Every structure is written in structure tokens, then in C-alpha cells.
C-alpha atoms as a PDB file:
ATOM      1  CA  MET A   1     153.710 188.306 167.212  1.00  0.00           C
ATOM      2  CA  THR A   2     152.817 189.429 163.774  1.00  0.00           C
ATOM      3  CA  ALA A   3     149.661 190.851 162.301  1.00  0.00           C
ATOM      4  CA  GLY A   4     148.696 187.767 160.478  1.00  0.00           C
ATOM      5  CA  GLU A   5     149.124 185.563 163.689  1.00  0.00           C
ATOM      6  CA  LEU A   6     146.746 188.097 165.665  1.00  0.00           C
ATOM      7  CA  GLU A   7     144.106 187.486 162.893  1.00  0.00           C
ATOM      8  CA  THR A   8     143.959 183.966 163.421  1.00  0.00           C
ATOM      9  CA  THR A   9     140.973 182.774 165.477  1.00  0.00           C
ATOM     10  CA  PRO A  10     142.077 181.181 168.667  1.00  0.00           C
ATOM     11  CA  GLY A  11     141.223 177.439 168.856  1.00  0.00           C
ATOM     12  CA  ALA A  12     140.467 177.088 165.147  1.00  0.00           C
ATOM     13  CA  PRO A  13     142.053 174.239 163.316  1.00  0.00           C
ATOM     14  CA  PRO A  14     144.696 175.158 160.638  1.00  0.00           C
ATOM     15  CA  GLU A  15     143.576 175.416 157.201  1.00  0.00           C
ATOM     16  CA  ALA A  16     144.620 172.518 155.090  1.00  0.00           C
ATOM     17  CA  PRO A  17     146.588 173.209 151.992  1.00  0.00           C
ATOM     18  CA  GLU A  18     144.649 173.411 148.590  1.00  0.00           C
ATOM     19  CA  ASP A  19     146.482 170.511 147.092  1.00  0.00           C
ATOM     20  CA  ALA A  20     145.876 168.296 150.166  1.00  0.00           C
ATOM     21  CA  ALA A  21     143.370 166.042 148.295  1.00  0.00           C
ATOM     22  CA  GLU A  22     145.655 165.536 145.537  1.00  0.00           C
ATOM     23  CA  ALA A  23     148.425 164.464 148.073  1.00  0.00           C
ATOM     24  CA  LEU A  24     146.328 161.685 149.543  1.00  0.00           C
ATOM     25  CA  PRO A  25     147.090 158.275 148.478  1.00  0.00           C
ATOM     26  CA  ALA A  26     144.492 156.479 146.188  1.00  0.00           C
ATOM     27  CA  PRO A  27     142.548 153.466 147.945  1.00  0.00           C
ATOM     28  CA  PRO A  28     143.998 150.234 147.164  1.00  0.00           C
ATOM     29  CA  GLN A  29     142.166 148.304 144.272  1.00  0.00           C
ATOM     30  CA  SER A  30     141.162 144.980 144.688  1.00  0.00           C
ATOM     31  CA  THR A  31     142.853 142.298 142.321  1.00  0.00           C
ATOM     32  CA  PRO A  32     141.305 138.900 141.572  1.00  0.00           C
ATOM     33  CA  GLU A  33     142.485 135.923 143.459  1.00  0.00           C
ATOM     34  CA  LEU A  34     144.593 133.720 141.540  1.00  0.00           C
ATOM     35  CA  PRO A  35     144.378 130.035 142.344  1.00  0.00           C
ATOM     36  CA  ALA A  36     147.153 128.437 144.045  1.00  0.00           C
ATOM     37  CA  PRO A  37     149.871 126.761 141.925  1.00  0.00           C
ATOM     38  CA  ASN A  38     148.837 123.407 143.161  1.00  0.00           C
ATOM     39  CA  ALA A  39     145.024 123.894 143.250  1.00  0.00           C
ATOM     40  CA  ALA A  40     143.087 121.059 141.591  1.00  0.00           C
ATOM     41  CA  PRO A  41     140.900 122.165 138.571  1.00  0.00           C
ATOM     42  CA  PRO A  42     137.077 122.183 138.880  1.00  0.00           C
ATOM     43  CA  PRO A  43     135.260 118.989 137.932  1.00  0.00           C
ATOM     44  CA  PRO A  44     134.171 118.898 134.344  1.00  0.00           C
ATOM     45  CA  VAL A  45     130.305 119.533 133.846  1.00  0.00           C
ATOM     46  CA  ALA A  46     128.759 116.204 132.824  1.00  0.00           C
ATOM     47  CA  ALA A  47     127.101 116.468 129.545  1.00  0.00           C
ATOM     48  CA  ARG A  48     123.089 115.883 129.388  1.00  0.00           C
ATOM     49  CA  PRO A  49     122.377 112.571 127.742  1.00  0.00           C
ATOM     50  CA  ALA A  50     120.795 112.825 124.081  1.00  0.00           C
ATOM     51  CA  ARG A  51     117.038 112.278 124.356  1.00  0.00           C
ATOM     52  CA  ARG A  52     115.963 109.276 122.598  1.00  0.00           C
ATOM     53  CA  ASP A  53     112.386 108.818 121.328  1.00  0.00           C
ATOM     54  CA  GLY A  54     110.536 105.739 122.378  1.00  0.00           C
ATOM     55  CA  PRO A  55     108.710 103.572 120.255  1.00  0.00           C
ATOM     56  CA  LEU A  56     105.422 105.183 121.130  1.00  0.00           C
ATOM     57  CA  ARG A  57     106.766 108.648 120.105  1.00  0.00           C
ATOM     58  CA  LEU A  58     108.145 107.287 117.004  1.00  0.00           C
ATOM     59  CA  VAL A  59     104.766 105.632 116.019  1.00  0.00           C
ATOM     60  CA  GLY A  60     102.723 108.835 117.145  1.00  0.00           C
ATOM     61  CA  ARG A  61     104.883 110.823 114.691  1.00  0.00           C
ATOM     62  CA  ALA A  62     104.475 108.445 111.927  1.00  0.00           C
ATOM     63  CA  ILE A  63     100.550 108.553 112.461  1.00  0.00           C
ATOM     64  CA  VAL A  64     100.802 112.283 112.321  1.00  0.00           C
ATOM     65  CA  ALA A  65     102.887 112.320 109.155  1.00  0.00           C
ATOM     66  CA  LEU A  66     100.489 109.901 107.507  1.00  0.00           C
ATOM     67  CA  ILE A  67      97.484 112.016 108.430  1.00  0.00           C
ATOM     68  CA  LEU A  68      99.130 115.164 107.028  1.00  0.00           C
ATOM     69  CA  LEU A  69      99.900 113.039 103.792  1.00  0.00           C
ATOM     70  CA  VAL A  70      96.428 112.026 103.497  1.00  0.00           C
ATOM     71  CA  VAL A  71      94.823 115.279 104.219  1.00  0.00           C
ATOM     72  CA  ILE A  72      97.159 117.739 102.228  1.00  0.00           C
ATOM     73  CA  VAL A  73      98.436 115.686  99.278  1.00  0.00           C
ATOM     74  CA  PRO A  74      95.022 114.489  97.737  1.00  0.00           C
ATOM     75  CA  PRO A  75      93.420 117.916  97.432  1.00  0.00           C
ATOM     76  CA  ALA A  76      96.458 119.390  95.919  1.00  0.00           C
ATOM     77  CA  GLY A  77      96.573 116.615  93.406  1.00  0.00           C
ATOM     78  CA  VAL A  78      92.712 117.037  92.769  1.00  0.00           C
ATOM     79  CA  LEU A  79      93.133 120.799  92.242  1.00  0.00           C
ATOM     80  CA  VAL A  80      95.922 120.346  89.895  1.00  0.00           C
ATOM     81  CA  TYR A  81      94.194 117.728  87.700  1.00  0.00           C
ATOM     82  CA  LYS A  82      91.075 119.675  87.417  1.00  0.00           C
ATOM     83  CA  VAL A  83      92.648 121.759  84.767  1.00  0.00           C
ATOM     84  CA  VAL A  84      95.633 119.470  83.832  1.00  0.00           C
ATOM     85  CA  PRO A  85      95.571 116.136  82.198  1.00  0.00           C
ATOM     86  CA  PRO A  86      97.609 113.339  84.268  1.00  0.00           C
ATOM     87  CA  PRO A  87     100.938 112.715  82.425  1.00  0.00           C
ATOM     88  CA  ILE A  88     100.898 109.322  83.691  1.00  0.00           C
ATOM     89  CA  THR A  89      99.439 106.908  86.174  1.00  0.00           C
ATOM     90  CA  ILE A  90     100.598 104.255  88.731  1.00  0.00           C
ATOM     91  CA  LEU A  91      98.816 101.587  86.569  1.00  0.00           C
ATOM     92  CA  MET A  92     100.385 102.771  83.359  1.00  0.00           C
ATOM     93  CA  ILE A  93     103.814 102.467  85.211  1.00  0.00           C
ATOM     94  CA  GLU A  94     103.251  98.965  86.181  1.00  0.00           C
ATOM     95  CA  ARG A  95     102.174  97.969  82.842  1.00  0.00           C
ATOM     96  CA  LEU A  96     105.225  99.468  81.150  1.00  0.00           C
ATOM     97  CA  ILE A  97     107.343  97.510  83.766  1.00  0.00           C
ATOM     98  CA  GLU A  98     105.656  94.328  82.740  1.00  0.00           C
ATOM     99  CA  GLY A  99     106.346  95.343  79.137  1.00  0.00           C
ATOM    100  CA  ARG A 100     103.108  95.847  77.744  1.00  0.00           C
ATOM    101  CA  GLY A 101     103.935  99.450  76.449  1.00  0.00           C
ATOM    102  CA  MET A 102     101.776 102.569  76.524  1.00  0.00           C
ATOM    103  CA  ASP A 103      99.465 104.306  74.072  1.00  0.00           C
ATOM    104  CA  TYR A 104      97.721 107.283  75.847  1.00  0.00           C
ATOM    105  CA  ARG A 105      96.132 109.881  74.019  1.00  0.00           C
ATOM    106  CA  TRP A 106      94.153 112.658  75.858  1.00  0.00           C
ATOM    107  CA  ARG A 107      91.141 113.997  74.382  1.00  0.00           C
ATOM    108  CA  SER A 108      88.362 116.433  75.653  1.00  0.00           C
ATOM    109  CA  LEU A 109      85.068 115.373  76.191  1.00  0.00           C
ATOM    110  CA  GLY A 110      83.929 117.430  73.279  1.00  0.00           C
ATOM    111  CA  GLN A 111      86.294 115.575  71.053  1.00  0.00           C
ATOM    112  CA  MET A 112      84.524 112.104  72.063  1.00  0.00           C
ATOM    113  CA  SER A 113      81.484 110.710  70.408  1.00  0.00           C
ATOM    114  CA  PRO A 114      78.442 111.474  72.760  1.00  0.00           C
ATOM    115  CA  ALA A 115      77.780 107.389  72.540  1.00  0.00           C
ATOM    116  CA  LEU A 116      80.862 106.896  74.692  1.00  0.00           C
ATOM    117  CA  PRO A 117      79.500 108.505  77.976  1.00  0.00           C
ATOM    118  CA  GLN A 118      76.287 106.857  77.283  1.00  0.00           C
ATOM    119  CA  ALA A 119      77.777 103.501  77.011  1.00  0.00           C
ATOM    120  CA  ALA A 120      79.984 104.154  80.119  1.00  0.00           C
ATOM    121  CA  VAL A 121      76.771 104.909  82.119  1.00  0.00           C
ATOM    122  CA  ALA A 122      74.823 102.086  80.666  1.00  0.00           C
ATOM    123  CA  SER A 123      77.345  99.468  81.576  1.00  0.00           C
ATOM    124  CA  GLU A 124      79.329 100.780  84.517  1.00  0.00           C
ATOM    125  CA  ASP A 125      77.141 103.056  86.459  1.00  0.00           C
ATOM    126  CA  ALA A 126      73.530 103.722  85.741  1.00  0.00           C
ATOM    127  CA  ARG A 127      73.063 106.264  88.657  1.00  0.00           C
ATOM    128  CA  PHE A 128      76.029 108.246  87.899  1.00  0.00           C
ATOM    129  CA  CYS A 129      74.280 111.686  87.344  1.00  0.00           C
ATOM    130  CA  THR A 130      72.323 111.281  90.717  1.00  0.00           C
ATOM    131  CA  HIS A 131      74.634 109.979  93.176  1.00  0.00           C
ATOM    132  CA  HIS A 132      77.517 111.881  95.058  1.00  0.00           C
ATOM    133  CA  GLY A 133      80.445 109.343  94.306  1.00  0.00           C
ATOM    134  CA  PHE A 134      78.885 106.174  96.111  1.00  0.00           C
ATOM    135  CA  ASP A 135      75.944 104.024  94.846  1.00  0.00           C
ATOM    136  CA  PHE A 136      74.965 102.215  98.018  1.00  0.00           C
ATOM    137  CA  GLN A 137      72.283 100.328  96.287  1.00  0.00           C
ATOM    138  CA  ALA A 138      74.746  98.688  94.062  1.00  0.00           C
ATOM    139  CA  ILE A 139      77.269  98.205  96.838  1.00  0.00           C
ATOM    140  CA  GLN A 140      74.621  96.188  98.645  1.00  0.00           C
ATOM    141  CA  ALA A 141      73.638  94.183  95.509  1.00  0.00           C
ATOM    142  CA  ALA A 142      77.228  93.383  95.187  1.00  0.00           C
ATOM    143  CA  MET A 143      77.636  92.211  98.787  1.00  0.00           C
ATOM    144  CA  ARG A 144      74.524  89.967  98.341  1.00  0.00           C
ATOM    145  CA  GLN A 145      75.885  88.360  95.244  1.00  0.00           C
ATOM    146  CA  ASP A 146      79.370  87.853  96.774  1.00  0.00           C
ATOM    147  CA  GLN A 147      77.802  86.092  99.777  1.00  0.00           C
ATOM    148  CA  ARG A 148      75.720  83.828  97.392  1.00  0.00           C
ATOM    149  CA  ARG A 149      78.748  83.170  95.036  1.00  0.00           C
ATOM    150  CA  PRO A 150      81.879  83.873  96.837  1.00  0.00           C
ATOM    151  CA  GLY A 151      84.177  82.602  94.001  1.00  0.00           C
ATOM    152  CA  ARG A 152      83.030  85.446  91.712  1.00  0.00           C
ATOM    153  CA  LEU A 153      83.253  88.869  93.240  1.00  0.00           C
ATOM    154  CA  ARG A 154      80.937  91.568  91.643  1.00  0.00           C
ATOM    155  CA  GLY A 155      82.121  95.004  92.155  1.00  0.00           C
ATOM    156  CA  GLY A 156      80.042  97.942  93.351  1.00  0.00           C
ATOM    157  CA  SER A 157      82.183 100.653  92.308  1.00  0.00           C
ATOM    158  CA  THR A 158      80.708 103.740  90.690  1.00  0.00           C
ATOM    159  CA  ILE A 159      82.597 105.659  87.811  1.00  0.00           C
ATOM    160  CA  SER A 160      83.684 108.210  90.165  1.00  0.00           C
ATOM    161  CA  GLN A 161      85.305 105.465  92.540  1.00  0.00           C
ATOM    162  CA  GLN A 162      86.899 104.034  89.443  1.00  0.00           C
ATOM    163  CA  THR A 163      88.226 107.274  88.328  1.00  0.00           C
ATOM    164  CA  ALA A 164      89.771 107.998  91.802  1.00  0.00           C
ATOM    165  CA  LYS A 165      91.480 104.613  91.637  1.00  0.00           C
ATOM    166  CA  ASN A 166      92.704 104.820  87.874  1.00  0.00           C
ATOM    167  CA  VAL A 167      93.968 108.436  88.397  1.00  0.00           C
ATOM    168  CA  PHE A 168      95.522 108.525  91.886  1.00  0.00           C
ATOM    169  CA  LEU A 169      96.026 104.948  93.378  1.00  0.00           C
ATOM    170  CA  TRP A 170      97.434 101.464  92.503  1.00  0.00           C
ATOM    171  CA  PRO A 171      95.300  98.229  91.567  1.00  0.00           C
ATOM    172  CA  GLY A 172      94.125  95.954  94.290  1.00  0.00           C
ATOM    173  CA  ARG A 173      91.602  95.194  96.794  1.00  0.00           C
ATOM    174  CA  ASP A 174      93.163  96.021  99.999  1.00  0.00           C
ATOM    175  CA  TYR A 175      91.427  98.044 102.768  1.00  0.00           C
ATOM    176  CA  VAL A 176      93.953 100.846 102.808  1.00  0.00           C
ATOM    177  CA  ARG A 177      93.643 101.534  99.229  1.00  0.00           C
ATOM    178  CA  LYS A 178      89.810 101.389  99.440  1.00  0.00           C
ATOM    179  CA  ALA A 179      89.819 103.787 102.208  1.00  0.00           C
ATOM    180  CA  VAL A 180      92.096 106.342 100.376  1.00  0.00           C
ATOM    181  CA  GLU A 181      89.960 105.705  97.250  1.00  0.00           C
ATOM    182  CA  ALA A 182      86.809 106.868  99.329  1.00  0.00           C
ATOM    183  CA  TRP A 183      88.455 110.063 100.090  1.00  0.00           C
ATOM    184  CA  TYR A 184      89.486 110.850  96.613  1.00  0.00           C
ATOM    185  CA  THR A 185      86.125 110.207  95.537  1.00  0.00           C
ATOM    186  CA  VAL A 186      84.608 112.653  97.916  1.00  0.00           C
ATOM    187  CA  LEU A 187      87.212 115.323  96.641  1.00  0.00           C
ATOM    188  CA  ILE A 188      86.695 114.803  92.868  1.00  0.00           C
ATOM    189  CA  GLU A 189      82.950 114.672  93.216  1.00  0.00           C
ATOM    190  CA  LEU A 190      83.367 118.199  95.074  1.00  0.00           C
ATOM    191  CA  VAL A 191      86.092 119.632  92.952  1.00  0.00           C
ATOM    192  CA  TRP A 192      85.714 118.321  89.465  1.00  0.00           C
ATOM    193  CA  GLY A 193      81.932 117.793  89.009  1.00  0.00           C
ATOM    194  CA  LYS A 194      80.423 115.082  86.544  1.00  0.00           C
ATOM    195  CA  PRO A 195      81.693 116.288  83.299  1.00  0.00           C
ATOM    196  CA  ARG A 196      85.343 116.339  84.313  1.00  0.00           C
ATOM    197  CA  ILE A 197      85.191 112.756  86.202  1.00  0.00           C
ATOM    198  CA  MET A 198      83.641 111.389  83.055  1.00  0.00           C
ATOM    199  CA  GLU A 199      86.215 112.972  81.101  1.00  0.00           C
ATOM    200  CA  MET A 200      88.877 111.853  83.022  1.00  0.00           C
ATOM    201  CA  TYR A 201      87.589 108.407  83.178  1.00  0.00           C
ATOM    202  CA  LEU A 202      87.353 107.855  79.500  1.00  0.00           C
ATOM    203  CA  ASN A 203      90.955 109.199  78.890  1.00  0.00           C
ATOM    204  CA  VAL A 204      92.765 107.097  81.564  1.00  0.00           C
ATOM    205  CA  VAL A 205      90.859 103.834  81.946  1.00  0.00           C
ATOM    206  CA  GLU A 206      92.553 100.756  80.430  1.00  0.00           C
ATOM    207  CA  PHE A 207      90.847  99.319  77.258  1.00  0.00           C
ATOM    208  CA  GLY A 208      93.565  96.721  76.540  1.00  0.00           C
ATOM    209  CA  PRO A 209      97.105  95.770  77.202  1.00  0.00           C
ATOM    210  CA  GLY A 210      99.004  99.232  77.253  1.00  0.00           C
ATOM    211  CA  VAL A 211      95.976 101.101  75.620  1.00  0.00           C
ATOM    212  CA  TYR A 212      94.604 103.759  77.773  1.00  0.00           C
ATOM    213  CA  GLY A 213      91.643 106.232  76.888  1.00  0.00           C
ATOM    214  CA  ALA A 214      88.972 106.179  74.399  1.00  0.00           C
ATOM    215  CA  GLU A 215      91.136 107.783  71.438  1.00  0.00           C
ATOM    216  CA  ALA A 216      93.741 105.243  71.599  1.00  0.00           C
ATOM    217  CA  ALA A 217      91.355 102.269  71.764  1.00  0.00           C
ATOM    218  CA  SER A 218      89.295 103.882  68.694  1.00  0.00           C
ATOM    219  CA  GLU A 219      92.601 103.992  66.830  1.00  0.00           C
ATOM    220  CA  HIS A 220      93.598 100.414  67.739  1.00  0.00           C
ATOM    221  CA  VAL A 221      90.316  98.668  67.236  1.00  0.00           C
ATOM    222  CA  PHE A 222      88.445 100.563  64.698  1.00  0.00           C
ATOM    223  CA  HIS A 223      91.087 102.820  63.087  1.00  0.00           C
ATOM    224  CA  LYS A 224      89.335 105.977  63.593  1.00  0.00           C
ATOM    225  CA  HIS A 225      89.210 108.911  65.907  1.00  0.00           C
ATOM    226  CA  ALA A 226      87.070 108.553  69.036  1.00  0.00           C
ATOM    227  CA  SER A 227      84.804 111.455  67.819  1.00  0.00           C
ATOM    228  CA  GLU A 228      83.774 109.198  64.930  1.00  0.00           C
ATOM    229  CA  LEU A 229      82.437 106.333  67.004  1.00  0.00           C
ATOM    230  CA  SER A 230      79.060 104.811  66.431  1.00  0.00           C
ATOM    231  CA  PRO A 231      76.839 103.618  69.233  1.00  0.00           C
ATOM    232  CA  ASP A 232      77.488 100.098  68.454  1.00  0.00           C
ATOM    233  CA  GLU A 233      81.225 100.765  68.294  1.00  0.00           C
ATOM    234  CA  ALA A 234      81.171 102.841  71.569  1.00  0.00           C
ATOM    235  CA  ALA A 235      79.328  99.723  73.370  1.00  0.00           C
ATOM    236  CA  ARG A 236      82.024  97.291  72.135  1.00  0.00           C
ATOM    237  CA  LEU A 237      84.845  99.370  73.477  1.00  0.00           C
ATOM    238  CA  ILE A 238      83.099  99.810  76.882  1.00  0.00           C
ATOM    239  CA  ALA A 239      82.157  96.232  77.296  1.00  0.00           C
ATOM    240  CA  VAL A 240      85.706  95.112  77.815  1.00  0.00           C
ATOM    241  CA  LEU A 241      86.338  97.417  80.576  1.00  0.00           C
ATOM    242  CA  PRO A 242      85.783  95.074  83.385  1.00  0.00           C
ATOM    243  CA  LYS A 243      88.452  92.838  82.225  1.00  0.00           C
ATOM    244  CA  PRO A 244      90.663  94.570  79.604  1.00  0.00           C
ATOM    245  CA  LEU A 245      93.432  92.271  79.673  1.00  0.00           C
ATOM    246  CA  GLY A 246      91.208  89.206  79.114  1.00  0.00           C
ATOM    247  CA  TRP A 247      88.632  90.471  76.796  1.00  0.00           C
ATOM    248  CA  SER A 248      89.302  91.908  73.216  1.00  0.00           C
ATOM    249  CA  ALA A 249      87.164  94.549  71.549  1.00  0.00           C
ATOM    250  CA  ALA A 250      89.349  94.033  68.401  1.00  0.00           C
ATOM    251  CA  ASP A 251      88.565  90.248  68.211  1.00  0.00           C
ATOM    252  CA  PRO A 252      85.459  89.802  70.445  1.00  0.00           C
ATOM    253  CA  GLY A 253      84.512  86.496  71.553  1.00  0.00           C
ATOM    254  CA  ARG A 254      81.011  85.131  72.142  1.00  0.00           C
ATOM    255  CA  TYR A 255      80.685  86.525  75.655  1.00  0.00           C
ATOM    256  CA  VAL A 256      81.964  90.114  74.510  1.00  0.00           C
ATOM    257  CA  ARG A 257      79.523  89.887  71.634  1.00  0.00           C
ATOM    258  CA  ARG A 258      76.669  89.113  73.985  1.00  0.00           C
ATOM    259  CA  ARG A 259      77.747  92.018  76.647  1.00  0.00           C
ATOM    260  CA  THR A 260      77.992  94.595  73.639  1.00  0.00           C
ATOM    261  CA  ALA A 261      74.634  93.898  72.601  1.00  0.00           C
ATOM    262  CA  LYS A 262      73.316  94.288  76.246  1.00  0.00           C
ATOM    263  CA  VAL A 263      75.200  97.608  76.415  1.00  0.00           C
ATOM    264  CA  ASP A 264      73.927  98.751  73.155  1.00  0.00           C
ATOM    265  CA  ARG A 265      70.170  98.063  74.251  1.00  0.00           C
ATOM    266  CA  ALA A 266      70.812  99.660  77.698  1.00  0.00           C
ATOM    267  CA  MET A 267      72.154 102.878  75.970  1.00  0.00           C
ATOM    268  CA  GLY A 268      68.643 103.340  74.315  1.00  0.00           C
ATOM    269  CA  ASN A 269      67.226 103.591  77.948  1.00  0.00           C
ATOM    270  CA  VAL A 270      70.009 106.140  78.959  1.00  0.00           C
ATOM    271  CA  ARG A 271      69.287 108.307  76.038  1.00  0.00           C
ATOM    272  CA  TYR A 272      65.573 108.290  76.658  1.00  0.00           C
ATOM    273  CA  ALA A 273      65.684 108.842  80.459  1.00  0.00           C
ATOM    274  CA  GLY A 274      68.379 111.329  80.127  1.00  0.00           C
ATOM    275  CA  LEU A 275      70.747 109.181  82.430  1.00  0.00           C
ATOM    276  CA  ALA A 276      73.975 110.924  81.066  1.00  0.00           C
ATOM    277  CA  ASP A 277      72.886 114.409  80.879  1.00  0.00           C
ATOM    278  CA  CYS A 278      74.778 115.496  83.484  1.00  0.00           C
ATOM    279  CA  VAL A 279      78.139 115.016  81.509  1.00  0.00           C
ATOM    280  CA  GLY A 280      76.821 117.511  78.781  1.00  0.00           C
ATOM    281  CA  ARG A 281      77.113 115.448  75.847  1.00  0.00           C
END
């Protein structure tokens, strides 16, 4: 027995060689199972049917869109026209389609005779400076007269209401238009104020077939600027506003002459009582 064999402890297991771990085989790695050659493919996933909107949902969306249209669009237009003259109105477009032409010349309130706003207040809206867009006394009076004489409708619209209609809306008497007109009336009273409302009214109102605004009407009828009108001339122009396609300021009939005289007399009271002072003219 050699010395090396004597140094080995009896009963101890023999030492493993240093490269024993390297000699061990690696554990087998799992491989993905492949489908059998004859296995059936998985069933296709059924596509979810497209969701269709029912009629109630469509009606609801239409109502929401209409509310947004009414709430957002009018304030935007009112804000723009507070500083910018309207280039054209719906009524002007309708008259153009009818072949009546268009003569529309914008003038500031300072470029008009003071008699024009006085005549407008005297003829169309005596409480223009004191109401906030709606003259409920005039509305009640118009309703009473309409009940007594159904064939002859009398309007109770203020200058503010007429301006809202003339600038933003279409002609007519339907309830939808009247409701939108009321909303515009509130807005222009809040945003524009009385001087701008009167300035807009005297510039876009129809004085005759295809004639819009006091400047164009003055040139057509009297061959002078609106700033040069006398009180009697201003009264004659304003006198035809309720029926501009049927009454003529250039060739007034008996009724228009009587109406002009009535407006001219009322203008004296407007000046005396200061009923048009809110427009600053």
C-alpha cells in the first residue's frame, strides 16, 4: 500500500473529478407540441355585430345638436356683428333670387340725420329706450286687436325684435322662428346696446324692392345722403316700413301721406320727451 492510499480516510467517498459538472448532460428542454397533421383547425371567432342606433337615440342626438346650434351659434354671430356690419342677410338673398336686385349701403349712426332714429321710435317702437327687447304692453294690445279683427294682424314687435329677425333670420311667422328671434333679441340687448341696435336696424331694414338701409333709400327717393334728410323726409321713409313692397316713399299714395303726417307729428313728442335719447342722436 502506498503513502497516498494510507492518507485516504477510511469510509470517505472518493472525490469527484473537477470536470464532473461539465460532464453531466444538460436537462432536456421542452419543445412546443405540434398539432397532429390531421387535427381540425380551431373554430373562427364570431365577429360582434355592429351596434345600430335606434330611432330614440338618433332623435336624442338631433336634439342635442340643435341645442348646441342654438346656444353656440347665436352668441358668436352677435359678437361678430357688434363691430362688423353684416355683409348680407337671408332676406336680401331671397330678394335676389326673386330678381329684385340689392342696393345696400352701410352708414354709421353718426352719418345719418338725427330725424331717422326719432322717426323710427315714433313709428315703430315708442318705448324703445325703456324696454329690454320686448314691449309687453304692445304685445297685449296687438293680441286684443287680432282677436277683434282676425283678418288684419297687428304686429307687436319692437325695433330690437325686428333687428334680430332682419339680421339673423328668415321672414315668416312660424313659432320656431319666433322662438329663435326671442333668443337673438335677448342677446343683442345684452351685447350690442341701444345705439348699435338702432344703427343696425336703420342699415338692414327693407325700404323698398331691393333697397336696404336709410342711405340707399335716401339716394333712391330724395337723391341725397341720409345725413341730409329733413324730419319730414325721414318720416316719409319710415312710414313705409311696415309694408315696403306695397307702399312707396318715392310715389306715396293717400294712405302713405296720412301716415307720414302722423309720424311727423309723433316725432315732436319723441324730441320733447327724449324718447330716442338712448341712441345718442
